[in-house]
Amino acid sequence: MHIPPHDNRNIPIVDADDASVPLNYFNIVKLKKGEAFTYQVPGYETCITPATGTVDVDVEGVEYKALGNRGTDVWDGEPEGVYVPVGAKVTIVCTSDATETFIAGARYDKVLDPFDVRVAELDTVQYGSDDTKTHRKIKHILGTKYHDKVGRLLVSELFTVGQGGWSGFPAHKHDTDRKDADGNIIETRHDETYNFRFRPNYGSGVQIIQRVEGEPGEAHQLMDGSTIMLDSGYHPCAVMPGYEMYYFTILGGLSQRSLVQFFQPTHAAQIETIPGIKDMIAKFK
């Protein structure tokens, strides 16, 4: 499902118990200097990541000062985040001239401890190539190094490297918890939500969702600020030549945190043609 860019007025774009992606939560909060925003999401752990600007964060009395360092857009600096336990009361205060702050969430049933993730603690992987039109960089905010400190939530930022090209290729899906005949996990159910940005911001892209192997799927034109909710199907996306693409990624697992992607049989052989893709796959844990 595609949600076009709009002013959500600090109201969740993907609320708790959403009909399409019930394992996800997503809000964009815009504040000016000195303004505050308070929230609680029962049943969901969350992660606060400023897209731009700087904020102070209070999680049930635990303070994290000066979170975020980016200026004009998501390319202007590195991401940072604060992990918020299930149902905790949080207050965000803008300390820069303005902020646009992402709040990502995943359904979970245990209360863990809050913590912050600063620039030096990001987990970054770059893979693909210009020749295969798959060159991109992933900055994991809640990645593998926090596997024992987070319930089901994975939060990352994905950037195309260069202008134009494909992402999420070879096409894959993760809409079912299932094992093979030997009991090995071959796919996990993870709902996924994206928010896209383009540089220049009048750029555009396309999100493909193919529900059934061998049958035509659906395509959505992506604009700066588009949100995509992925509940099922194979889902590659692409950016037009001449533009850079970014997307904020939220993954919430049904039964485990580690993501196991099932690659579309028609295109699975392409895994062997894309440099570094196996390292990328291993990072979603």
C-alpha atoms as a PDB file:
ATOM      1  CA  MET A   1       0.000   0.000   0.000  1.00  0.00           C
ATOM      2  CA  HIS A   2       1.233   3.480  -0.932  1.00  0.00           C
ATOM      3  CA  ILE A   3       0.523   6.517   1.255  1.00  0.00           C
ATOM      4  CA  PRO A   4       1.291   9.689  -0.730  1.00  0.00           C
ATOM      5  CA  PRO A   5       3.346  12.500   0.830  1.00  0.00           C
ATOM      6  CA  HIS A   6       1.235  14.646   3.148  1.00  0.00           C
ATOM      7  CA  ASP A   7       1.402  16.713   6.335  1.00  0.00           C
ATOM      8  CA  ASN A   8       0.488  14.137   8.955  1.00  0.00           C
ATOM      9  CA  ARG A   9       0.419  16.830  11.698  1.00  0.00           C
ATOM     10  CA  ASN A  10       2.381  14.557  14.051  1.00  0.00           C
ATOM     11  CA  ILE A  11      -0.367  11.917  13.864  1.00  0.00           C
ATOM     12  CA  PRO A  12       0.953   8.378  13.196  1.00  0.00           C
ATOM     13  CA  ILE A  13       1.108   7.468   9.518  1.00  0.00           C
ATOM     14  CA  VAL A  14       1.048   3.790  10.456  1.00  0.00           C
ATOM     15  CA  ASP A  15      -0.705   3.459  13.780  1.00  0.00           C
ATOM     16  CA  ALA A  16      -0.744   0.531  16.189  1.00  0.00           C
ATOM     17  CA  ASP A  17      -2.729  -2.459  14.929  1.00  0.00           C
ATOM     18  CA  ASP A  18      -2.785  -1.207  11.353  1.00  0.00           C
ATOM     19  CA  ALA A  19      -4.843  -3.519   9.139  1.00  0.00           C
ATOM     20  CA  SER A  20      -2.050  -3.911   6.543  1.00  0.00           C
ATOM     21  CA  VAL A  21       1.090  -4.037   8.709  1.00  0.00           C
ATOM     22  CA  PRO A  22      -0.004  -4.725  12.308  1.00  0.00           C
ATOM     23  CA  LEU A  23       3.585  -5.466  13.364  1.00  0.00           C
ATOM     24  CA  ASN A  24       4.737  -1.915  12.466  1.00  0.00           C
ATOM     25  CA  TYR A  25       4.287   1.606  13.811  1.00  0.00           C
ATOM     26  CA  PHE A  26       5.465   4.806  12.104  1.00  0.00           C
ATOM     27  CA  ASN A  27       5.173   8.503  12.855  1.00  0.00           C
ATOM     28  CA  ILE A  28       6.855  11.633  11.547  1.00  0.00           C
ATOM     29  CA  VAL A  29       7.062  14.432  14.125  1.00  0.00           C
ATOM     30  CA  LYS A  30       7.855  17.989  13.046  1.00  0.00           C
ATOM     31  CA  LEU A  31       8.787  20.522  15.721  1.00  0.00           C
ATOM     32  CA  LYS A  32      10.291  23.983  15.944  1.00  0.00           C
ATOM     33  CA  LYS A  33      12.860  25.056  18.515  1.00  0.00           C
ATOM     34  CA  GLY A  34      11.576  24.636  22.055  1.00  0.00           C
ATOM     35  CA  GLU A  35       8.486  22.663  21.056  1.00  0.00           C
ATOM     36  CA  ALA A  36       7.840  19.282  22.670  1.00  0.00           C
ATOM     37  CA  PHE A  37       6.036  16.093  21.658  1.00  0.00           C
ATOM     38  CA  THR A  38       5.016  13.318  24.064  1.00  0.00           C
ATOM     39  CA  TYR A  39       3.905   9.812  23.124  1.00  0.00           C
ATOM     40  CA  GLN A  40       3.307   6.284  24.398  1.00  0.00           C
ATOM     41  CA  VAL A  41       2.618   3.221  22.239  1.00  0.00           C
ATOM     42  CA  PRO A  42       1.321   0.291  24.338  1.00  0.00           C
ATOM     43  CA  GLY A  43       2.402  -3.046  22.921  1.00  0.00           C
ATOM     44  CA  TYR A  44       5.134  -1.597  20.692  1.00  0.00           C
ATOM     45  CA  GLU A  45       8.846  -0.928  21.163  1.00  0.00           C
ATOM     46  CA  THR A  46       9.993   2.150  19.254  1.00  0.00           C
ATOM     47  CA  CYS A  47      13.086   3.924  17.959  1.00  0.00           C
ATOM     48  CA  ILE A  48      13.472   7.695  17.645  1.00  0.00           C
ATOM     49  CA  THR A  49      15.641   8.877  14.729  1.00  0.00           C
ATOM     50  CA  PRO A  50      15.830  12.554  13.702  1.00  0.00           C
ATOM     51  CA  ALA A  51      15.728  12.869   9.912  1.00  0.00           C
ATOM     52  CA  THR A  52      16.898  16.451  10.352  1.00  0.00           C
ATOM     53  CA  GLY A  53      17.653  18.629  13.337  1.00  0.00           C
ATOM     54  CA  THR A  54      18.520  17.850  16.965  1.00  0.00           C
ATOM     55  CA  VAL A  55      16.320  16.779  19.868  1.00  0.00           C
ATOM     56  CA  ASP A  56      16.559  15.963  23.554  1.00  0.00           C
ATOM     57  CA  VAL A  57      14.780  12.739  24.499  1.00  0.00           C
ATOM     58  CA  ASP A  58      13.359  11.759  27.880  1.00  0.00           C
ATOM     59  CA  VAL A  59      12.335   8.110  28.328  1.00  0.00           C
ATOM     60  CA  GLU A  60      10.594   7.678  31.684  1.00  0.00           C
ATOM     61  CA  GLY A  61      13.144  10.016  33.289  1.00  0.00           C
ATOM     62  CA  VAL A  62      16.205   8.690  31.421  1.00  0.00           C
ATOM     63  CA  GLU A  63      17.623  11.546  29.350  1.00  0.00           C
ATOM     64  CA  TYR A  64      19.447  11.444  26.014  1.00  0.00           C
ATOM     65  CA  LYS A  65      20.704  14.865  25.030  1.00  0.00           C
ATOM     66  CA  ALA A  66      21.482  16.294  21.582  1.00  0.00           C
ATOM     67  CA  LEU A  67      20.265  13.393  19.456  1.00  0.00           C
ATOM     68  CA  GLY A  68      20.696  14.016  15.750  1.00  0.00           C
ATOM     69  CA  ASN A  69      23.203  16.062  13.793  1.00  0.00           C
ATOM     70  CA  ARG A  70      21.764  16.510  10.321  1.00  0.00           C
ATOM     71  CA  GLY A  71      20.957  19.796   8.658  1.00  0.00           C
ATOM     72  CA  THR A  72      19.002  20.264   5.458  1.00  0.00           C
ATOM     73  CA  ASP A  73      18.196  16.638   4.607  1.00  0.00           C
ATOM     74  CA  VAL A  74      19.012  12.969   5.312  1.00  0.00           C
ATOM     75  CA  TRP A  75      22.213  13.197   3.242  1.00  0.00           C
ATOM     76  CA  ASP A  76      23.537  15.982   5.480  1.00  0.00           C
ATOM     77  CA  GLY A  77      25.148  13.960   8.288  1.00  0.00           C
ATOM     78  CA  GLU A  78      24.718  10.564   9.909  1.00  0.00           C
ATOM     79  CA  PRO A  79      21.693   9.035  11.687  1.00  0.00           C
ATOM     80  CA  GLU A  80      21.369   8.514  15.423  1.00  0.00           C
ATOM     81  CA  GLY A  81      18.666   6.845  17.464  1.00  0.00           C
ATOM     82  CA  VAL A  82      17.153   6.115  20.872  1.00  0.00           C
ATOM     83  CA  TYR A  83      15.553   2.749  21.611  1.00  0.00           C
ATOM     84  CA  VAL A  84      12.330   3.084  23.617  1.00  0.00           C
ATOM     85  CA  PRO A  85      10.903   0.109  25.543  1.00  0.00           C
ATOM     86  CA  VAL A  86       7.359  -1.132  25.014  1.00  0.00           C
ATOM     87  CA  GLY A  87       4.758   1.355  26.247  1.00  0.00           C
ATOM     88  CA  ALA A  88       7.240   3.813  27.765  1.00  0.00           C
ATOM     89  CA  LYS A  89       6.267   7.484  28.037  1.00  0.00           C
ATOM     90  CA  VAL A  90       8.590   9.618  25.916  1.00  0.00           C
ATOM     91  CA  THR A  91       9.051  13.349  25.499  1.00  0.00           C
ATOM     92  CA  ILE A  92      10.970  14.806  22.549  1.00  0.00           C
ATOM     93  CA  VAL A  93      12.099  18.452  22.682  1.00  0.00           C
ATOM     94  CA  CYS A  94      13.505  20.239  19.634  1.00  0.00           C
ATOM     95  CA  THR A  95      16.781  22.027  20.406  1.00  0.00           C
ATOM     96  CA  SER A  96      17.688  23.064  16.839  1.00  0.00           C
ATOM     97  CA  ASP A  97      15.768  25.568  14.719  1.00  0.00           C
ATOM     98  CA  ALA A  98      13.507  22.740  13.567  1.00  0.00           C
ATOM     99  CA  THR A  99      13.380  18.969  13.399  1.00  0.00           C
ATOM    100  CA  GLU A 100      11.695  16.250  11.425  1.00  0.00           C
ATOM    101  CA  THR A 101      11.922  13.118  13.560  1.00  0.00           C
ATOM    102  CA  PHE A 102      11.022   9.558  12.604  1.00  0.00           C
ATOM    103  CA  ILE A 103       9.472   7.224  15.191  1.00  0.00           C
ATOM    104  CA  ALA A 104       9.666   3.562  14.150  1.00  0.00           C
ATOM    105  CA  GLY A 105       7.980   0.753  16.034  1.00  0.00           C
ATOM    106  CA  ALA A 106       7.400  -2.993  16.179  1.00  0.00           C
ATOM    107  CA  ARG A 107       4.920  -5.031  18.172  1.00  0.00           C
ATOM    108  CA  TYR A 108       6.501  -6.768  21.167  1.00  0.00           C
ATOM    109  CA  ASP A 109       5.386  -8.122  24.549  1.00  0.00           C
ATOM    110  CA  LYS A 110       8.391  -7.614  26.855  1.00  0.00           C
ATOM    111  CA  VAL A 111       9.827  -4.445  28.387  1.00  0.00           C
ATOM    112  CA  LEU A 112      13.579  -3.983  27.862  1.00  0.00           C
ATOM    113  CA  ASP A 113      15.959  -1.146  28.748  1.00  0.00           C
ATOM    114  CA  PRO A 114      16.307   2.100  26.761  1.00  0.00           C
ATOM    115  CA  PHE A 115      19.618   3.023  25.119  1.00  0.00           C
ATOM    116  CA  ASP A 116      20.965   5.426  22.519  1.00  0.00           C
ATOM    117  CA  VAL A 117      22.845   4.764  19.282  1.00  0.00           C
ATOM    118  CA  ARG A 118      25.322   7.440  18.262  1.00  0.00           C
ATOM    119  CA  VAL A 119      27.216   7.909  15.000  1.00  0.00           C
ATOM    120  CA  ALA A 120      30.226   5.855  16.115  1.00  0.00           C
ATOM    121  CA  GLU A 121      27.953   2.896  16.913  1.00  0.00           C
ATOM    122  CA  LEU A 122      26.208   2.582  13.539  1.00  0.00           C
ATOM    123  CA  ASP A 123      26.554  -0.668  11.628  1.00  0.00           C
ATOM    124  CA  THR A 124      27.172   0.155   7.949  1.00  0.00           C
ATOM    125  CA  VAL A 125      27.352  -2.112   4.917  1.00  0.00           C
ATOM    126  CA  GLN A 126      27.834  -1.189   1.272  1.00  0.00           C
ATOM    127  CA  TYR A 127      27.175  -3.634  -1.534  1.00  0.00           C
ATOM    128  CA  GLY A 128      26.295  -3.990  -5.193  1.00  0.00           C
ATOM    129  CA  SER A 129      27.988  -2.249  -8.095  1.00  0.00           C
ATOM    130  CA  ASP A 130      27.437   0.409 -10.728  1.00  0.00           C
ATOM    131  CA  ASP A 131      27.666  -2.295 -13.401  1.00  0.00           C
ATOM    132  CA  THR A 132      24.762  -4.276 -11.911  1.00  0.00           C
ATOM    133  CA  LYS A 133      22.759  -1.067 -11.174  1.00  0.00           C
ATOM    134  CA  THR A 134      22.447  -2.242  -7.548  1.00  0.00           C
ATOM    135  CA  HIS A 135      24.997  -0.067  -5.727  1.00  0.00           C
ATOM    136  CA  ARG A 136      23.767   1.024  -2.301  1.00  0.00           C
ATOM    137  CA  LYS A 137      24.733   1.686   1.323  1.00  0.00           C
ATOM    138  CA  ILE A 138      22.786   0.604   4.405  1.00  0.00           C
ATOM    139  CA  LYS A 139      23.170   2.308   7.780  1.00  0.00           C
ATOM    140  CA  HIS A 140      21.751   0.063  10.489  1.00  0.00           C
ATOM    141  CA  ILE A 141      20.584   2.006  13.530  1.00  0.00           C
ATOM    142  CA  LEU A 142      19.142  -1.029  15.304  1.00  0.00           C
ATOM    143  CA  GLY A 143      21.207  -3.729  13.587  1.00  0.00           C
ATOM    144  CA  THR A 144      23.050  -6.911  14.484  1.00  0.00           C
ATOM    145  CA  LYS A 145      25.072  -5.457  17.372  1.00  0.00           C
ATOM    146  CA  TYR A 146      21.855  -4.769  19.330  1.00  0.00           C
ATOM    147  CA  HIS A 147      20.287  -8.174  18.737  1.00  0.00           C
ATOM    148  CA  ASP A 148      20.232  -8.995  22.461  1.00  0.00           C
ATOM    149  CA  LYS A 149      18.924  -5.557  23.504  1.00  0.00           C
ATOM    150  CA  VAL A 150      15.911  -5.257  21.187  1.00  0.00           C
ATOM    151  CA  GLY A 151      12.804  -7.405  20.817  1.00  0.00           C
ATOM    152  CA  ARG A 152      11.566  -7.595  17.207  1.00  0.00           C
ATOM    153  CA  LEU A 153      12.440  -4.173  15.765  1.00  0.00           C
ATOM    154  CA  LEU A 154      14.979  -3.574  12.982  1.00  0.00           C
ATOM    155  CA  VAL A 155      15.610   0.031  11.876  1.00  0.00           C
ATOM    156  CA  SER A 156      17.869   1.067   8.997  1.00  0.00           C
ATOM    157  CA  GLU A 157      18.494   3.802   6.448  1.00  0.00           C
ATOM    158  CA  LEU A 158      19.138   2.759   2.848  1.00  0.00           C
ATOM    159  CA  PHE A 159      20.839   4.955   0.271  1.00  0.00           C
ATOM    160  CA  THR A 160      21.389   4.431  -3.427  1.00  0.00           C
ATOM    161  CA  VAL A 161      25.047   5.046  -4.308  1.00  0.00           C
ATOM    162  CA  GLY A 162      25.267   7.165  -7.422  1.00  0.00           C
ATOM    163  CA  GLN A 163      22.227   8.231  -9.404  1.00  0.00           C
ATOM    164  CA  GLY A 164      19.651   5.741 -10.603  1.00  0.00           C
ATOM    165  CA  GLY A 165      19.486   1.996 -10.052  1.00  0.00           C
ATOM    166  CA  TRP A 166      17.629  -0.770  -8.241  1.00  0.00           C
ATOM    167  CA  SER A 167      17.207  -1.633  -4.587  1.00  0.00           C
ATOM    168  CA  GLY A 168      15.676  -4.685  -2.968  1.00  0.00           C
ATOM    169  CA  PHE A 169      16.943  -6.788  -5.867  1.00  0.00           C
ATOM    170  CA  PRO A 170      16.928  -9.708  -6.452  1.00  0.00           C
ATOM    171  CA  ALA A 171      13.257  -9.528  -5.556  1.00  0.00           C
ATOM    172  CA  HIS A 172      12.471 -11.142  -2.224  1.00  0.00           C
ATOM    173  CA  LYS A 173       9.654 -11.472   0.256  1.00  0.00           C
ATOM    174  CA  HIS A 174       9.214 -12.138   3.986  1.00  0.00           C
ATOM    175  CA  ASP A 175       5.497 -12.528   4.629  1.00  0.00           C
ATOM    176  CA  THR A 176       5.315 -16.061   6.077  1.00  0.00           C
ATOM    177  CA  ASP A 177       7.003 -17.964   8.897  1.00  0.00           C
ATOM    178  CA  ARG A 178       7.963 -21.269   7.277  1.00  0.00           C
ATOM    179  CA  LYS A 179      10.558 -24.035   7.255  1.00  0.00           C
ATOM    180  CA  ASP A 180      11.773 -26.552   4.709  1.00  0.00           C
ATOM    181  CA  ALA A 181      11.389 -30.337   4.972  1.00  0.00           C
ATOM    182  CA  ASP A 182      14.507 -30.547   7.153  1.00  0.00           C
ATOM    183  CA  GLY A 183      13.222 -27.967   9.634  1.00  0.00           C
ATOM    184  CA  ASN A 184      15.436 -25.109   8.465  1.00  0.00           C
ATOM    185  CA  ILE A 185      13.873 -21.640   8.463  1.00  0.00           C
ATOM    186  CA  ILE A 186      13.556 -20.460   4.855  1.00  0.00           C
ATOM    187  CA  GLU A 187      11.402 -17.369   5.422  1.00  0.00           C
ATOM    188  CA  THR A 188      10.150 -15.230   8.319  1.00  0.00           C
ATOM    189  CA  ARG A 189       7.089 -13.021   8.638  1.00  0.00           C
ATOM    190  CA  HIS A 190       8.290  -9.448   8.921  1.00  0.00           C
ATOM    191  CA  ASP A 191       5.986  -6.522   8.177  1.00  0.00           C
ATOM    192  CA  GLU A 192       7.920  -3.661   6.598  1.00  0.00           C
ATOM    193  CA  THR A 193       7.358   0.080   6.230  1.00  0.00           C
ATOM    194  CA  TYR A 194       9.411   2.520   4.129  1.00  0.00           C
ATOM    195  CA  ASN A 195       9.562   6.303   3.925  1.00  0.00           C
ATOM    196  CA  PHE A 196      11.309   7.623   0.805  1.00  0.00           C
ATOM    197  CA  ARG A 197      13.347  10.744   0.084  1.00  0.00           C
ATOM    198  CA  PHE A 198      15.007  11.902  -3.147  1.00  0.00           C
ATOM    199  CA  ARG A 199      17.895  14.194  -4.010  1.00  0.00           C
ATOM    200  CA  PRO A 200      17.040  16.572  -5.635  1.00  0.00           C
ATOM    201  CA  ASN A 201      13.692  16.363  -3.846  1.00  0.00           C
ATOM    202  CA  TYR A 202      11.699  16.502  -7.087  1.00  0.00           C
ATOM    203  CA  GLY A 203      13.146  13.108  -8.004  1.00  0.00           C
ATOM    204  CA  SER A 204      11.018  10.028  -8.285  1.00  0.00           C
ATOM    205  CA  GLY A 205      11.091   6.237  -8.260  1.00  0.00           C
ATOM    206  CA  VAL A 206       8.899   3.172  -8.441  1.00  0.00           C
ATOM    207  CA  GLN A 207       7.946   0.452  -5.952  1.00  0.00           C
ATOM    208  CA  ILE A 208       6.931  -2.900  -7.398  1.00  0.00           C
ATOM    209  CA  ILE A 209       4.881  -5.384  -5.361  1.00  0.00           C
ATOM    210  CA  GLN A 210       4.376  -8.784  -6.979  1.00  0.00           C
ATOM    211  CA  ARG A 211       2.048 -10.917  -4.887  1.00  0.00           C
ATOM    212  CA  VAL A 212       2.167 -14.097  -6.981  1.00  0.00           C
ATOM    213  CA  GLU A 213       5.143 -15.584  -8.808  1.00  0.00           C
ATOM    214  CA  GLY A 214       4.655 -15.411 -12.578  1.00  0.00           C
ATOM    215  CA  GLU A 215       1.702 -12.997 -12.453  1.00  0.00           C
ATOM    216  CA  PRO A 216       1.750  -9.215 -12.965  1.00  0.00           C
ATOM    217  CA  GLY A 217       1.925  -7.210  -9.761  1.00  0.00           C
ATOM    218  CA  GLU A 218       1.339  -3.577  -8.870  1.00  0.00           C
ATOM    219  CA  ALA A 219       3.557  -0.511  -9.146  1.00  0.00           C
ATOM    220  CA  HIS A 220       3.505   2.757  -7.221  1.00  0.00           C
ATOM    221  CA  GLN A 221       5.191   5.983  -8.221  1.00  0.00           C
ATOM    222  CA  LEU A 222       7.328   7.194  -5.332  1.00  0.00           C
ATOM    223  CA  MET A 223       7.704  10.873  -4.513  1.00  0.00           C
ATOM    224  CA  ASP A 224       9.704  12.656  -1.823  1.00  0.00           C
ATOM    225  CA  GLY A 225       7.918  11.670   1.406  1.00  0.00           C
ATOM    226  CA  SER A 226       6.067   8.621   0.075  1.00  0.00           C
ATOM    227  CA  THR A 227       5.356   5.837   2.582  1.00  0.00           C
ATOM    228  CA  ILE A 228       5.058   2.201   1.504  1.00  0.00           C
ATOM    229  CA  MET A 229       3.552  -0.515   3.712  1.00  0.00           C
ATOM    230  CA  LEU A 230       4.580  -4.058   2.739  1.00  0.00           C
ATOM    231  CA  ASP A 231       2.449  -6.870   4.063  1.00  0.00           C
ATOM    232  CA  SER A 232       3.192  -9.488   1.382  1.00  0.00           C
ATOM    233  CA  GLY A 233       4.855 -10.124  -1.957  1.00  0.00           C
ATOM    234  CA  TYR A 234       8.156  -9.558  -3.702  1.00  0.00           C
ATOM    235  CA  HIS A 235       9.102  -5.880  -3.524  1.00  0.00           C
ATOM    236  CA  PRO A 236      12.027  -4.394  -5.479  1.00  0.00           C
ATOM    237  CA  CYS A 237      12.183  -0.635  -6.048  1.00  0.00           C
ATOM    238  CA  ALA A 238      14.074   1.682  -8.370  1.00  0.00           C
ATOM    239  CA  VAL A 239      15.052   5.335  -8.689  1.00  0.00           C
ATOM    240  CA  MET A 240      15.113   7.296 -11.938  1.00  0.00           C
ATOM    241  CA  PRO A 241      18.513   8.016 -13.562  1.00  0.00           C
ATOM    242  CA  GLY A 242      19.938  11.320 -12.374  1.00  0.00           C
ATOM    243  CA  TYR A 243      18.493  11.103  -8.839  1.00  0.00           C
ATOM    244  CA  GLU A 244      19.558   9.661  -5.505  1.00  0.00           C
ATOM    245  CA  MET A 245      17.099   7.734  -3.357  1.00  0.00           C
ATOM    246  CA  TYR A 246      16.884   7.153   0.400  1.00  0.00           C
ATOM    247  CA  TYR A 247      14.434   5.159   2.415  1.00  0.00           C
ATOM    248  CA  PHE A 248      13.910   4.815   6.142  1.00  0.00           C
ATOM    249  CA  THR A 249      13.153   1.169   6.851  1.00  0.00           C
ATOM    250  CA  ILE A 250      11.120  -0.390   9.668  1.00  0.00           C
ATOM    251  CA  LEU A 251      10.936  -4.164  10.056  1.00  0.00           C
ATOM    252  CA  GLY A 252       8.901  -5.935  12.721  1.00  0.00           C
ATOM    253  CA  GLY A 253       9.008  -9.715  13.076  1.00  0.00           C
ATOM    254  CA  LEU A 254       6.110 -11.930  14.082  1.00  0.00           C
ATOM    255  CA  SER A 255       8.072 -14.629  15.915  1.00  0.00           C
ATOM    256  CA  GLN A 256      11.742 -13.560  15.855  1.00  0.00           C
ATOM    257  CA  ARG A 257      13.922 -10.533  15.241  1.00  0.00           C
ATOM    258  CA  SER A 258      16.294 -12.006  12.628  1.00  0.00           C
ATOM    259  CA  LEU A 259      14.995 -11.498   9.094  1.00  0.00           C
ATOM    260  CA  VAL A 260      15.104 -14.455   6.703  1.00  0.00           C
ATOM    261  CA  GLN A 261      14.363 -13.316   3.165  1.00  0.00           C
ATOM    262  CA  PHE A 262      12.972 -15.664   0.540  1.00  0.00           C
ATOM    263  CA  PHE A 263      14.346 -14.710  -2.860  1.00  0.00           C
ATOM    264  CA  GLN A 264      12.051 -14.984  -5.850  1.00  0.00           C
ATOM    265  CA  PRO A 265      12.957 -18.232  -7.629  1.00  0.00           C
ATOM    266  CA  THR A 266      12.832 -16.576 -11.057  1.00  0.00           C
ATOM    267  CA  HIS A 267      15.588 -14.135 -10.106  1.00  0.00           C
ATOM    268  CA  ALA A 268      17.419 -15.912  -7.262  1.00  0.00           C
ATOM    269  CA  ALA A 269      20.464 -16.658  -9.423  1.00  0.00           C
ATOM    270  CA  GLN A 270      21.165 -12.916  -9.512  1.00  0.00           C
ATOM    271  CA  ILE A 271      22.427 -13.172  -5.932  1.00  0.00           C
ATOM    272  CA  GLU A 272      25.654 -14.550  -7.383  1.00  0.00           C
ATOM    273  CA  THR A 273      26.121 -11.503  -9.640  1.00  0.00           C
ATOM    274  CA  ILE A 274      25.868  -8.736  -7.019  1.00  0.00           C
ATOM    275  CA  PRO A 275      29.061  -8.029  -5.040  1.00  0.00           C
ATOM    276  CA  GLY A 276      28.641  -8.087  -1.260  1.00  0.00           C
ATOM    277  CA  ILE A 277      24.956  -8.961  -1.207  1.00  0.00           C
ATOM    278  CA  LYS A 278      25.466 -11.979   1.053  1.00  0.00           C
ATOM    279  CA  ASP A 279      27.090  -9.725   3.664  1.00  0.00           C
ATOM    280  CA  MET A 280      24.067  -7.440   3.397  1.00  0.00           C
ATOM    281  CA  ILE A 281      21.671 -10.335   3.950  1.00  0.00           C
ATOM    282  CA  ALA A 282      23.570 -11.405   7.073  1.00  0.00           C
ATOM    283  CA  LYS A 283      23.223  -7.944   8.673  1.00  0.00           C
ATOM    284  CA  PHE A 284      19.419  -8.115   9.066  1.00  0.00           C
ATOM    285  CA  LYS A 285      19.463  -9.802  12.475  1.00  0.00           C
END
